C-alpha atoms as a PDB file:
ATOM      1  CA  MET A   1     116.029  33.642 106.861  1.00  0.00           C
ATOM      2  CA  ARG A   2     116.730  30.228 104.627  1.00  0.00           C
ATOM      3  CA  PRO A   3     119.357  29.305 102.618  1.00  0.00           C
ATOM      4  CA  THR A   4     119.648  29.526  99.226  1.00  0.00           C
ATOM      5  CA  VAL A   5     121.636  28.009  96.281  1.00  0.00           C
ATOM      6  CA  HIS A   6     123.541  31.393  96.120  1.00  0.00           C
ATOM      7  CA  ASP A   7     124.339  30.861 100.089  1.00  0.00           C
ATOM      8  CA  ILE A   8     125.942  27.211  98.883  1.00  0.00           C
ATOM      9  CA  ALA A   9     127.359  28.492  95.979  1.00  0.00           C
ATOM     10  CA  ALA A  10     129.667  30.626  98.075  1.00  0.00           C
ATOM     11  CA  GLU A  11     129.817  28.462 100.906  1.00  0.00           C
ATOM     12  CA  ALA A  12     131.297  25.674  98.458  1.00  0.00           C
ATOM     13  CA  GLY A  13     133.518  28.154  96.330  1.00  0.00           C
ATOM     14  CA  VAL A  14     131.571  26.753  92.803  1.00  0.00           C
ATOM     15  CA  SER A  15     129.239  28.643  90.562  1.00  0.00           C
ATOM     16  CA  LEU A  16     125.668  28.823  90.698  1.00  0.00           C
ATOM     17  CA  ALA A  17     125.550  26.412  87.815  1.00  0.00           C
ATOM     18  CA  THR A  18     127.191  23.571  89.717  1.00  0.00           C
ATOM     19  CA  VAL A  19     125.206  23.827  93.023  1.00  0.00           C
ATOM     20  CA  ASP A  20     122.103  23.144  90.199  1.00  0.00           C
ATOM     21  CA  ARG A  21     123.762  20.473  88.611  1.00  0.00           C
ATOM     22  CA  VAL A  22     124.772  19.107  91.479  1.00  0.00           C
ATOM     23  CA  LEU A  23     121.057  19.332  93.021  1.00  0.00           C
ATOM     24  CA  ASN A  24     119.673  18.153  90.046  1.00  0.00           C
ATOM     25  CA  ALA A  25     122.136  14.944  89.869  1.00  0.00           C
ATOM     26  CA  ARG A  26     122.972  15.682  86.197  1.00  0.00           C
ATOM     27  CA  PRO A  27     126.721  14.831  84.766  1.00  0.00           C
ATOM     28  CA  GLY A  28     129.802  16.965  84.174  1.00  0.00           C
ATOM     29  CA  VAL A  29     130.712  17.676  87.685  1.00  0.00           C
ATOM     30  CA  ARG A  30     133.787  15.916  89.038  1.00  0.00           C
ATOM     31  CA  GLN A  31     133.151  13.805  92.340  1.00  0.00           C
ATOM     32  CA  LYS A  32     135.176  16.175  94.216  1.00  0.00           C
ATOM     33  CA  THR A  33     132.782  18.824  93.713  1.00  0.00           C
ATOM     34  CA  VAL A  34     129.640  17.048  94.214  1.00  0.00           C
ATOM     35  CA  ALA A  35     131.243  16.355  97.506  1.00  0.00           C
ATOM     36  CA  LYS A  36     132.038  19.879  98.486  1.00  0.00           C
ATOM     37  CA  VAL A  37     128.574  21.391  97.186  1.00  0.00           C
ATOM     38  CA  GLU A  38     127.130  18.183  99.325  1.00  0.00           C
ATOM     39  CA  ALA A  39     128.758  19.202 102.179  1.00  0.00           C
ATOM     40  CA  ALA A  40     127.685  22.604 102.064  1.00  0.00           C
ATOM     41  CA  VAL A  41     124.275  21.725 102.385  1.00  0.00           C
ATOM     42  CA  GLU A  42     124.385  19.699 105.026  1.00  0.00           C
ATOM     43  CA  ARG A  43     126.151  22.698 107.135  1.00  0.00           C
ATOM     44  CA  LEU A  44     123.883  25.224 105.602  1.00  0.00           C
ATOM     45  CA  GLY A  45     120.722  22.968 106.621  1.00  0.00           C
ATOM     46  CA  TYR A  46     119.689  24.143 103.265  1.00  0.00           C
ATOM     47  CA  VAL A  47     116.168  22.126 102.417  1.00  0.00           C
ATOM     48  CA  ARG A  48     115.142  22.171  98.693  1.00  0.00           C
ATOM     49  CA  ASP A  49     111.597  23.706  97.299  1.00  0.00           C
ATOM     50  CA  VAL A  50     110.734  20.569  95.515  1.00  0.00           C
ATOM     51  CA  THR A  51     107.534  22.226  94.449  1.00  0.00           C
ATOM     52  CA  ALA A  52     109.311  25.206  93.235  1.00  0.00           C
ATOM     53  CA  ALA A  53     111.869  23.106  90.982  1.00  0.00           C
ATOM     54  CA  ASN A  54     109.154  21.359  89.419  1.00  0.00           C
ATOM     55  CA  LEU A  55     107.332  24.439  88.546  1.00  0.00           C
ATOM     56  CA  ALA A  56     109.871  25.331  87.232  1.00  0.00           C
ATOM     57  CA  LYS A  57     110.606  22.668  84.966  1.00  0.00           C
ATOM     58  CA  LYS A  58     106.837  22.038  84.238  1.00  0.00           C
ATOM     59  CA  ARG A  59     106.487  18.728  85.467  1.00  0.00           C
ATOM     60  CA  ILE A  60     103.653  16.861  84.264  1.00  0.00           C
ATOM     61  CA  TYR A  61     102.269  14.031  87.285  1.00  0.00           C
ATOM     62  CA  PRO A  62     100.370  11.597  85.239  1.00  0.00           C
ATOM     63  CA  LEU A  63      97.575   9.743  87.261  1.00  0.00           C
ATOM     64  CA  VAL A  64      95.231   7.404  86.434  1.00  0.00           C
ATOM     65  CA  PHE A  65      91.683   6.712  88.200  1.00  0.00           C
ATOM     66  CA  ILE A  66      90.140   3.479  88.361  1.00  0.00           C
ATOM     67  CA  LEU A  67      86.703   3.346  89.608  1.00  0.00           C
ATOM     68  CA  PRO A  68      83.845   0.900  89.292  1.00  0.00           C
ATOM     69  CA  GLU A  69      81.009   1.674  86.268  1.00  0.00           C
ATOM     70  CA  GLY A  70      77.304   1.082  86.632  1.00  0.00           C
ATOM     71  CA  PRO A  71      74.752   3.675  88.580  1.00  0.00           C
ATOM     72  CA  ASN A  72      75.938   3.440  91.820  1.00  0.00           C
ATOM     73  CA  SER A  73      74.959   7.458  92.201  1.00  0.00           C
ATOM     74  CA  PHE A  74      78.302   7.893  94.748  1.00  0.00           C
ATOM     75  CA  MET A  75      80.570   6.419  91.969  1.00  0.00           C
ATOM     76  CA  ARG A  76      79.433   8.877  89.381  1.00  0.00           C
ATOM     77  CA  GLY A  77      80.069  11.629  92.008  1.00  0.00           C
ATOM     78  CA  LEU A  78      83.794  10.492  92.463  1.00  0.00           C
ATOM     79  CA  GLU A  79      83.399  10.263  89.202  1.00  0.00           C
ATOM     80  CA  ALA A  80      82.542  14.171  88.673  1.00  0.00           C
ATOM     81  CA  GLU A  81      85.180  15.077  90.891  1.00  0.00           C
ATOM     82  CA  ILE A  82      87.869  13.191  89.593  1.00  0.00           C
ATOM     83  CA  ARG A  83      86.822  15.097  86.121  1.00  0.00           C
ATOM     84  CA  ALA A  84      86.549  18.651  87.921  1.00  0.00           C
ATOM     85  CA  ALA A  85      89.860  17.682  88.732  1.00  0.00           C
ATOM     86  CA  MET A  86      90.922  17.246  85.123  1.00  0.00           C
ATOM     87  CA  GLN A  87      89.506  20.671  84.286  1.00  0.00           C
ATOM     88  CA  ARG A  88      92.324  21.942  86.956  1.00  0.00           C
ATOM     89  CA  SER A  89      94.992  19.738  85.406  1.00  0.00           C
ATOM     90  CA  PRO A  90      96.710  22.966  84.114  1.00  0.00           C
ATOM     91  CA  ALA A  91      97.107  24.769  86.639  1.00  0.00           C
ATOM     92  CA  GLU A  92      97.916  21.788  89.186  1.00  0.00           C
ATOM     93  CA  ARG A  93     100.326  20.408  86.602  1.00  0.00           C
ATOM     94  CA  THR A  94      98.585  16.992  86.495  1.00  0.00           C
ATOM     95  CA  SER A  95      97.866  14.721  83.232  1.00  0.00           C
ATOM     96  CA  ILE A  96      94.526  12.100  84.448  1.00  0.00           C
ATOM     97  CA  ARG A  97      92.517   9.315  83.034  1.00  0.00           C
ATOM     98  CA  ILE A  98      90.449   7.477  84.240  1.00  0.00           C
ATOM     99  CA  GLU A  99      89.655   3.582  83.988  1.00  0.00           C
ATOM    100  CA  THR A 100      86.264   2.327  84.882  1.00  0.00           C
ATOM    101  CA  VAL A 101      85.580  -1.670  85.202  1.00  0.00           C
ATOM    102  CA  PRO A 102      82.442  -3.397  85.978  1.00  0.00           C
ATOM    103  CA  PRO A 103      81.746  -3.587  89.634  1.00  0.00           C
ATOM    104  CA  PHE A 104      83.508  -5.892  91.718  1.00  0.00           C
ATOM    105  CA  ASP A 105      85.701  -7.643  88.927  1.00  0.00           C
ATOM    106  CA  ALA A 106      88.960  -7.947  90.039  1.00  0.00           C
ATOM    107  CA  LYS A 107      90.436  -9.571  87.182  1.00  0.00           C
ATOM    108  CA  ALA A 108      89.096  -6.029  85.616  1.00  0.00           C
ATOM    109  CA  ILE A 109      90.990  -4.287  88.109  1.00  0.00           C
ATOM    110  CA  VAL A 110      94.104  -6.460  87.651  1.00  0.00           C
ATOM    111  CA  ASN A 111      94.094  -6.397  84.011  1.00  0.00           C
ATOM    112  CA  ILE A 112      94.376  -2.564  84.105  1.00  0.00           C
ATOM    113  CA  LEU A 113      97.161  -2.703  86.376  1.00  0.00           C
ATOM    114  CA  ASP A 114      99.651  -5.043  85.086  1.00  0.00           C
ATOM    115  CA  SER A 115      98.545  -3.216  81.168  1.00  0.00           C
ATOM    116  CA  LEU A 116      99.652   0.844  82.460  1.00  0.00           C
ATOM    117  CA  ASP A 117     103.595   1.424  81.602  1.00  0.00           C
ATOM    118  CA  PRO A 118     105.413   2.606  84.697  1.00  0.00           C
ATOM    119  CA  ALA A 119     107.052   4.953  82.261  1.00  0.00           C
ATOM    120  CA  GLU A 120     104.303   6.984  81.500  1.00  0.00           C
ATOM    121  CA  VAL A 121     102.370   6.959  84.835  1.00  0.00           C
ATOM    122  CA  THR A 122     103.322   8.749  88.021  1.00  0.00           C
ATOM    123  CA  GLY A 123     100.416   7.326  90.627  1.00  0.00           C
ATOM    124  CA  VAL A 124      97.364   5.046  90.591  1.00  0.00           C
ATOM    125  CA  ALA A 125      94.304   5.772  92.799  1.00  0.00           C
ATOM    126  CA  LEU A 126      91.610   3.009  92.791  1.00  0.00           C
ATOM    127  CA  VAL A 127      88.620   1.971  94.440  1.00  0.00           C
ATOM    128  CA  ALA A 128      89.894  -1.425  95.402  1.00  0.00           C
ATOM    129  CA  THR A 129      88.518  -4.863  95.995  1.00  0.00           C
ATOM    130  CA  ASP A 130      89.823  -6.648  98.782  1.00  0.00           C
ATOM    131  CA  THR A 131      91.271 -10.378  96.694  1.00  0.00           C
ATOM    132  CA  PRO A 132      94.678 -11.506  96.421  1.00  0.00           C
ATOM    133  CA  ASP A 133      95.171 -10.942  92.647  1.00  0.00           C
ATOM    134  CA  VAL A 134      94.542  -7.043  93.168  1.00  0.00           C
ATOM    135  CA  THR A 135      96.750  -7.361  96.059  1.00  0.00           C
ATOM    136  CA  ALA A 136      99.640  -8.848  93.982  1.00  0.00           C
ATOM    137  CA  ALA A 137      98.957  -6.642  90.640  1.00  0.00           C
ATOM    138  CA  VAL A 138      99.058  -3.589  93.377  1.00  0.00           C
ATOM    139  CA  GLY A 139     102.392  -4.607  94.441  1.00  0.00           C
ATOM    140  CA  ARG A 140     103.874  -5.627  91.174  1.00  0.00           C
ATOM    141  CA  LEU A 141     103.298  -1.748  89.736  1.00  0.00           C
ATOM    142  CA  VAL A 142     104.832  -0.051  93.091  1.00  0.00           C
ATOM    143  CA  GLU A 143     107.880  -2.166  92.901  1.00  0.00           C
ATOM    144  CA  ASN A 144     108.098  -0.386  89.047  1.00  0.00           C
ATOM    145  CA  GLY A 145     108.168   2.846  90.382  1.00  0.00           C
ATOM    146  CA  VAL A 146     104.354   3.948  90.278  1.00  0.00           C
ATOM    147  CA  HIS A 147     102.964   5.455  93.922  1.00  0.00           C
ATOM    148  CA  VAL A 148      99.230   3.560  94.605  1.00  0.00           C
ATOM    149  CA  ALA A 149      97.051   5.021  96.539  1.00  0.00           C
ATOM    150  CA  THR A 150      93.199   3.696  97.699  1.00  0.00           C
ATOM    151  CA  LEU A 151      90.389   5.530  97.294  1.00  0.00           C
ATOM    152  CA  VAL A 152      86.905   5.036  99.279  1.00  0.00           C
ATOM    153  CA  SER A 153      87.798   1.130  99.706  1.00  0.00           C
ATOM    154  CA  ASP A 154      91.163   0.092 101.512  1.00  0.00           C
ATOM    155  CA  LEU A 155      93.365  -2.411 100.198  1.00  0.00           C
ATOM    156  CA  PRO A 156      94.936  -3.733 104.135  1.00  0.00           C
ATOM    157  CA  GLY A 157      98.317  -5.753 103.942  1.00  0.00           C
ATOM    158  CA  SER A 158      98.776  -3.972 100.061  1.00  0.00           C
ATOM    159  CA  GLN A 159     102.032  -2.154  98.827  1.00  0.00           C
ATOM    160  CA  ARG A 160      99.522   0.987  98.687  1.00  0.00           C
ATOM    161  CA  ILE A 161     101.099   4.308 100.160  1.00  0.00           C
ATOM    162  CA  HIS A 162      97.577   5.962 101.339  1.00  0.00           C
ATOM    163  CA  TYR A 163      94.112   5.519 101.719  1.00  0.00           C
ATOM    164  CA  CYS A 164      92.137   8.142 100.864  1.00  0.00           C
ATOM    165  CA  GLY A 165      88.409   7.413 102.860  1.00  0.00           C
ATOM    166  CA  ILE A 166      87.163   7.694 105.958  1.00  0.00           C
ATOM    167  CA  ASP A 167      87.170   5.246 108.914  1.00  0.00           C
ATOM    168  CA  ASN A 168      84.747   3.014 107.914  1.00  0.00           C
ATOM    169  CA  LEU A 169      85.260   0.684 110.997  1.00  0.00           C
ATOM    170  CA  ALA A 170      84.322   4.427 112.625  1.00  0.00           C
ATOM    171  CA  ALA A 171      82.058   4.777 110.560  1.00  0.00           C
ATOM    172  CA  GLY A 172      80.341   1.156 110.979  1.00  0.00           C
ATOM    173  CA  ARG A 173      79.896   2.063 115.004  1.00  0.00           C
ATOM    174  CA  THR A 174      78.907   5.200 114.313  1.00  0.00           C
ATOM    175  CA  ALA A 175      75.843   3.840 112.796  1.00  0.00           C
ATOM    176  CA  GLY A 176      75.488   0.798 115.391  1.00  0.00           C
ATOM    177  CA  GLY A 177      75.121   4.086 117.725  1.00  0.00           C
ATOM    178  CA  LEU A 178      72.765   5.780 115.706  1.00  0.00           C
ATOM    179  CA  ILE A 179      70.176   2.817 115.388  1.00  0.00           C
ATOM    180  CA  GLY A 180      70.987   1.805 118.709  1.00  0.00           C
ATOM    181  CA  ARG A 181      69.978   5.171 120.442  1.00  0.00           C
ATOM    182  CA  PHE A 182      67.230   5.594 117.694  1.00  0.00           C
ATOM    183  CA  ARG A 183      65.781   2.508 119.220  1.00  0.00           C
ATOM    184  CA  GLY A 184      65.787   3.842 122.494  1.00  0.00           C
ATOM    185  CA  GLY A 185      66.587   0.095 124.662  1.00  0.00           C
ATOM    186  CA  ARG A 186      63.285  -1.490 122.549  1.00  0.00           C
ATOM    187  CA  ALA A 187      64.006  -5.156 121.943  1.00  0.00           C
ATOM    188  CA  GLY A 188      64.157  -5.800 117.881  1.00  0.00           C
ATOM    189  CA  LYS A 189      66.190  -7.038 114.886  1.00  0.00           C
ATOM    190  CA  VAL A 190      68.337  -5.015 112.466  1.00  0.00           C
ATOM    191  CA  LEU A 191      68.512  -6.183 108.690  1.00  0.00           C
ATOM    192  CA  VAL A 192      72.401  -4.998 107.700  1.00  0.00           C
ATOM    193  CA  VAL A 193      72.146  -4.851 103.548  1.00  0.00           C
ATOM    194  CA  ALA A 194      75.737  -4.824 102.302  1.00  0.00           C
ATOM    195  CA  GLY A 195      76.758  -4.434  98.506  1.00  0.00           C
ATOM    196  CA  SER A 196      79.988  -7.305  98.765  1.00  0.00           C
ATOM    197  CA  MET A 197      81.540  -8.310 101.860  1.00  0.00           C
ATOM    198  CA  LYS A 198      84.741  -8.572  99.248  1.00  0.00           C
ATOM    199  CA  LEU A 199      84.983  -4.689  99.918  1.00  0.00           C
ATOM    200  CA  SER A 200      87.044  -3.683 102.630  1.00  0.00           C
ATOM    201  CA  ASP A 201      84.662  -0.868 103.594  1.00  0.00           C
ATOM    202  CA  HIS A 202      81.547  -2.835 103.637  1.00  0.00           C
ATOM    203  CA  MET A 203      83.529  -5.578 105.550  1.00  0.00           C
ATOM    204  CA  ASP A 204      85.112  -2.621 108.109  1.00  0.00           C
ATOM    205  CA  ARG A 205      81.174  -1.156 108.828  1.00  0.00           C
ATOM    206  CA  ALA A 206      79.834  -4.458 109.105  1.00  0.00           C
ATOM    207  CA  SER A 207      82.518  -5.165 111.922  1.00  0.00           C
ATOM    208  CA  GLY A 208      82.272  -1.868 113.740  1.00  0.00           C
ATOM    209  CA  PHE A 209      78.196  -2.130 113.657  1.00  0.00           C
ATOM    210  CA  ALA A 210      78.093  -5.403 114.706  1.00  0.00           C
ATOM    211  CA  GLU A 211      80.993  -4.667 117.617  1.00  0.00           C
ATOM    212  CA  VAL A 212      78.542  -1.804 119.158  1.00  0.00           C
ATOM    213  CA  LEU A 213      75.310  -3.482 118.867  1.00  0.00           C
ATOM    214  CA  ALA A 214      77.418  -6.875 120.824  1.00  0.00           C
ATOM    215  CA  ALA A 215      78.772  -4.053 123.553  1.00  0.00           C
ATOM    216  CA  GLU A 216      75.816  -1.470 123.985  1.00  0.00           C
ATOM    217  CA  PHE A 217      72.439  -2.386 122.438  1.00  0.00           C
ATOM    218  CA  PRO A 218      72.636  -6.779 123.187  1.00  0.00           C
ATOM    219  CA  GLU A 219      68.480  -5.599 122.799  1.00  0.00           C
ATOM    220  CA  LEU A 220      69.042  -5.401 119.138  1.00  0.00           C
ATOM    221  CA  GLU A 221      69.606  -8.743 116.754  1.00  0.00           C
ATOM    222  CA  ILE A 222      71.462  -8.525 113.342  1.00  0.00           C
ATOM    223  CA  VAL A 223      70.080 -10.095 110.668  1.00  0.00           C
ATOM    224  CA  GLY A 224      72.537 -10.778 107.695  1.00  0.00           C
ATOM    225  CA  PRO A 225      74.211  -8.924 106.550  1.00  0.00           C
ATOM    226  CA  VAL A 226      72.464  -9.701 102.963  1.00  0.00           C
ATOM    227  CA  GLU A 227      74.986  -8.968 100.052  1.00  0.00           C
ATOM    228  CA  THR A 228      73.168  -7.239  96.978  1.00  0.00           C
ATOM    229  CA  ASN A 229      76.372  -6.376  94.889  1.00  0.00           C
ATOM    230  CA  ASP A 230      75.258  -2.419  95.108  1.00  0.00           C
ATOM    231  CA  ASP A 231      72.463  -3.042  92.824  1.00  0.00           C
ATOM    232  CA  ALA A 232      69.132  -1.316  93.388  1.00  0.00           C
ATOM    233  CA  ASP A 233      66.927  -3.911  92.154  1.00  0.00           C
ATOM    234  CA  ALA A 234      68.794  -6.267  94.195  1.00  0.00           C
ATOM    235  CA  VAL A 235      68.389  -4.553  97.277  1.00  0.00           C
ATOM    236  CA  ARG A 236      64.647  -3.961  96.831  1.00  0.00           C
ATOM    237  CA  GLN A 237      63.835  -7.684  96.678  1.00  0.00           C
ATOM    238  CA  ALA A 238      66.232  -9.022  99.389  1.00  0.00           C
ATOM    239  CA  VAL A 239      64.480  -6.056 101.422  1.00  0.00           C
ATOM    240  CA  THR A 240      61.364  -6.926 100.782  1.00  0.00           C
ATOM    241  CA  ALA A 241      61.898 -10.565 101.137  1.00  0.00           C
ATOM    242  CA  ALA A 242      63.314 -10.056 104.433  1.00  0.00           C
ATOM    243  CA  LEU A 243      60.864  -7.592 105.897  1.00  0.00           C
ATOM    244  CA  GLU A 244      58.191  -9.984 104.971  1.00  0.00           C
ATOM    245  CA  ALA A 245      59.922 -12.798 106.143  1.00  0.00           C
ATOM    246  CA  ASP A 246      60.423 -11.425 109.530  1.00  0.00           C
ATOM    247  CA  ALA A 247      57.980  -9.120 111.656  1.00  0.00           C
ATOM    248  CA  GLY A 248      60.702  -9.078 113.993  1.00  0.00           C
ATOM    249  CA  ILE A 249      62.773  -6.799 112.172  1.00  0.00           C
ATOM    250  CA  THR A 250      62.595  -2.973 113.928  1.00  0.00           C
ATOM    251  CA  ALA A 251      65.406  -1.313 111.673  1.00  0.00           C
ATOM    252  CA  ILE A 252      67.774  -1.259 108.525  1.00  0.00           C
ATOM    253  CA  TYR A 253      71.286   0.037 108.399  1.00  0.00           C
ATOM    254  CA  SER A 254      72.420   0.257 104.723  1.00  0.00           C
ATOM    255  CA  LEU A 255      75.904   0.171 104.281  1.00  0.00           C
ATOM    256  CA  GLY A 256      76.401   0.373 101.252  1.00  0.00           C
ATOM    257  CA  ALA A 257      74.931   1.608  97.441  1.00  0.00           C
ATOM    258  CA  GLY A 258      71.265   0.444  95.512  1.00  0.00           C
ATOM    259  CA  THR A 259      70.051   3.201  98.034  1.00  0.00           C
ATOM    260  CA  ARG A 260      66.806   3.339  95.477  1.00  0.00           C
ATOM    261  CA  GLY A 261      65.572   0.389  96.148  1.00  0.00           C
ATOM    262  CA  LEU A 262      66.002   0.303  99.416  1.00  0.00           C
ATOM    263  CA  ILE A 263      63.248   3.150  99.128  1.00  0.00           C
ATOM    264  CA  GLU A 264      60.879   1.619  97.334  1.00  0.00           C
ATOM    265  CA  ALA A 265      61.247  -1.821  99.474  1.00  0.00           C
ATOM    266  CA  LEU A 266      59.826   0.587 102.238  1.00  0.00           C
ATOM    267  CA  ALA A 267      57.583   2.494 100.227  1.00  0.00           C
ATOM    268  CA  GLY A 268      55.664  -1.124 100.817  1.00  0.00           C
ATOM    269  CA  GLN A 269      55.750  -0.891 104.153  1.00  0.00           C
ATOM    270  CA  ALA A 270      54.158   2.596 104.205  1.00  0.00           C
ATOM    271  CA  SER A 271      52.593   1.243 107.768  1.00  0.00           C
ATOM    272  CA  ARG A 272      55.681  -0.464 109.359  1.00  0.00           C
ATOM    273  CA  LYS A 273      57.882   1.467 111.096  1.00  0.00           C
ATOM    274  CA  LEU A 274      61.625   1.354 110.732  1.00  0.00           C
ATOM    275  CA  THR A 275      64.987   2.944 111.761  1.00  0.00           C
ATOM    276  CA  VAL A 276      66.663   3.502 108.775  1.00  0.00           C
ATOM    277  CA  VAL A 277      70.519   4.658 108.449  1.00  0.00           C
ATOM    278  CA  ALA A 278      72.504   4.648 105.461  1.00  0.00           C
ATOM    279  CA  HIS A 279      75.562   5.816 103.421  1.00  0.00           C
ATOM    280  CA  GLU A 280      75.820   9.071 101.241  1.00  0.00           C
ATOM    281  CA  VAL A 281      73.858  11.755 100.815  1.00  0.00           C
ATOM    282  CA  THR A 282      72.450  11.177  96.700  1.00  0.00           C
ATOM    283  CA  GLU A 283      69.498  12.613  95.270  1.00  0.00           C
ATOM    284  CA  HIS A 284      67.776   9.625  96.787  1.00  0.00           C
ATOM    285  CA  SER A 285      69.333   9.736  99.919  1.00  0.00           C
ATOM    286  CA  ARG A 286      68.435  12.996 100.563  1.00  0.00           C
ATOM    287  CA  GLN A 287      65.222  12.773  99.657  1.00  0.00           C
ATOM    288  CA  ALA A 288      64.249   9.639 101.851  1.00  0.00           C
ATOM    289  CA  LEU A 289      65.598  11.829 104.737  1.00  0.00           C
ATOM    290  CA  ALA A 290      63.543  14.856 103.870  1.00  0.00           C
ATOM    291  CA  ASP A 291      60.651  12.516 103.656  1.00  0.00           C
ATOM    292  CA  GLY A 292      60.969  11.061 107.090  1.00  0.00           C
ATOM    293  CA  LEU A 293      62.058   8.111 105.750  1.00  0.00           C
ATOM    294  CA  PHE A 294      65.337   7.792 106.577  1.00  0.00           C
ATOM    295  CA  ASP A 295      67.006   8.829 110.408  1.00  0.00           C
ATOM    296  CA  ALA A 296      70.157   9.236 108.981  1.00  0.00           C
ATOM    297  CA  VAL A 297      72.785   9.294 106.417  1.00  0.00           C
ATOM    298  CA  ILE A 298      76.517   8.945 107.321  1.00  0.00           C
ATOM    299  CA  ASN A 299      78.366  10.201 104.400  1.00  0.00           C
ATOM    300  CA  GLN A 300      82.216  10.862 103.334  1.00  0.00           C
ATOM    301  CA  ASP A 301      83.497  14.187 100.903  1.00  0.00           C
ATOM    302  CA  CYS A 302      84.162  12.210  97.603  1.00  0.00           C
ATOM    303  CA  GLY A 303      85.830  15.922  96.518  1.00  0.00           C
ATOM    304  CA  HIS A 304      87.846  15.707  99.547  1.00  0.00           C
ATOM    305  CA  GLU A 305      89.008  12.838  98.593  1.00  0.00           C
ATOM    306  CA  VAL A 306      89.740  13.084  95.368  1.00  0.00           C
ATOM    307  CA  ARG A 307      92.011  16.176  96.060  1.00  0.00           C
ATOM    308  CA  SER A 308      93.488  14.060  98.472  1.00  0.00           C
ATOM    309  CA  ALA A 309      94.686  11.340  95.930  1.00  0.00           C
ATOM    310  CA  ILE A 310      96.044  14.033  93.482  1.00  0.00           C
ATOM    311  CA  ARG A 311      98.319  15.472  96.869  1.00  0.00           C
ATOM    312  CA  VAL A 312      98.939  12.554  97.926  1.00  0.00           C
ATOM    313  CA  LEU A 313     100.475  10.804  94.925  1.00  0.00           C
ATOM    314  CA  LYS A 314     102.549  13.639  93.687  1.00  0.00           C
ATOM    315  CA  ALA A 315     103.839  14.918  96.603  1.00  0.00           C
ATOM    316  CA  ARG A 316     105.175  11.132  96.943  1.00  0.00           C
ATOM    317  CA  SER A 317     106.699  11.451  93.535  1.00  0.00           C
ATOM    318  CA  ASP A 318     108.251  14.051  94.592  1.00  0.00           C
ATOM    319  CA  GLY A 319     109.770  12.291  98.021  1.00  0.00           C
ATOM    320  CA  LEU A 320     107.572  13.695 100.103  1.00  0.00           C
ATOM    321  CA  MET A 321     105.479  12.795 103.287  1.00  0.00           C
ATOM    322  CA  PRO A 322     101.405  13.940 102.562  1.00  0.00           C
ATOM    323  CA  ILE A 323      99.737  16.386 105.756  1.00  0.00           C
ATOM    324  CA  SER A 324      98.451  13.512 107.681  1.00  0.00           C
ATOM    325  CA  ALA A 325      95.732  16.260 109.246  1.00  0.00           C
ATOM    326  CA  GLN A 326      94.879  17.751 106.084  1.00  0.00           C
ATOM    327  CA  GLU A 327      94.389  14.366 104.450  1.00  0.00           C
ATOM    328  CA  ARG A 328      92.332  13.553 107.299  1.00  0.00           C
ATOM    329  CA  ILE A 329      88.482  12.312 105.251  1.00  0.00           C
ATOM    330  CA  ARG A 330      85.800  13.263 108.410  1.00  0.00           C
ATOM    331  CA  ILE A 331      82.962  11.121 108.713  1.00  0.00           C
ATOM    332  CA  ASP A 332      79.698  13.451 107.657  1.00  0.00           C
ATOM    333  CA  ILE A 333      76.147  12.948 110.062  1.00  0.00           C
ATOM    334  CA  PHE A 334      73.252  14.234 108.423  1.00  0.00           C
ATOM    335  CA  LEU A 335      69.707  14.287 109.589  1.00  0.00           C
ATOM    336  CA  ARG A 336      66.899  15.899 108.256  1.00  0.00           C
ATOM    337  CA  ASP A 337      67.596  18.858 110.296  1.00  0.00           C
ATOM    338  CA  ASN A 338      71.190  19.753 109.011  1.00  0.00           C
ATOM    339  CA  LEU A 339      70.947  18.640 105.268  1.00  0.00           C
ATOM    340  CA  PRO A 340      73.418  20.580 103.071  1.00  0.00           C
END
C-alpha cells in the first residue's frame, strides 16, 4: 500500500491541515514541525501524486506553440492538431495559443520568444530555425523559468528540455536505403531537394542520406541539395532545371515540403522513369503514391508530436520527467500498397 497524507500525519503526530501546508510550502508552520513532517515523508517513502494535486487545485497550464505560416501542407496539418488540442483544453487543463511566423524567419521567432511574459506562460513548443539568435532567445526564456520544447525540427546546443519529432538522421538514412534498393545497383545520380539547410531536420536528413549512399550505394552520386524554402513554385523550377540540365539524374529525394511543385515538375518529364522518395503524407503526396509517381513517402505523426509536446511541457512544469518510450516519435514508411 502506498503511504498517504493520513499516514504522514500519524507518523509526525500532526494534523492533516499541517501536512497539507508543509507539502504545499505554505507559511504558518514552525520550522521544527516542518522538519518532523519532512522526516515522516522520508521514512514512509511518500511520493506525492502531482497530477492529482494539480487537479484538486484546478491548475491551468498556459502553453504557446510557434509555427511557420504559409501553404506548407504538413505545417497546416500540425496546426490543425494543435487546434484539436485546444478543443480538449478543458479536460487537459491547458490554455493554448498559436503564434505564426514567416517560414525560416529567425528574427520573427526571436521577437515572439522575447515578448513572452514568464509569469503568464508555462511552456513553449516551437518549430525552430537553427541559428545562434534563436538559441540565445530560447536560453533567455528557460533562464526565466519557462520550459521550451522543439517541435519537428530540433535546436541542438540550446537549453530546450525536449525534442518532439522523429530522428531525422535516421529518416535520411532510411531514404538512402530505399532509393538504393529501388535502383537495384544501377548507377545514376540522385537529386536532393531541401527547404533550407538552416533547419536541423533538413540538415540531418541530408547527412543521413549521404552517409548511406557513400557506404552502401557508391554507384549513386548526389546532386545538390538544392534549397527551395519549401515553396512549391521554387521546387518546380529547381527540379525542372536540374532534370533538363542533367540526363544522368535517375532518382529524387525530396526531404522538405513543396510537394505540389515536385509533382508538377515530374509531370513535365513523363517519359523519364525516376525513383522518387519524399516526406510526409499529404493530399498531394498521397495521390502521387497512388498514381505510381512516388515510390515511397517517409512520414511522421504530427498528432503524436503535438500530444507529446503538451505532455512533456506539463510534466516538466510539475518537476517530473517524461516517459521516454511514450514520447518516441516513430518513422513511418508508406508505399502505394499500405497507404492509410
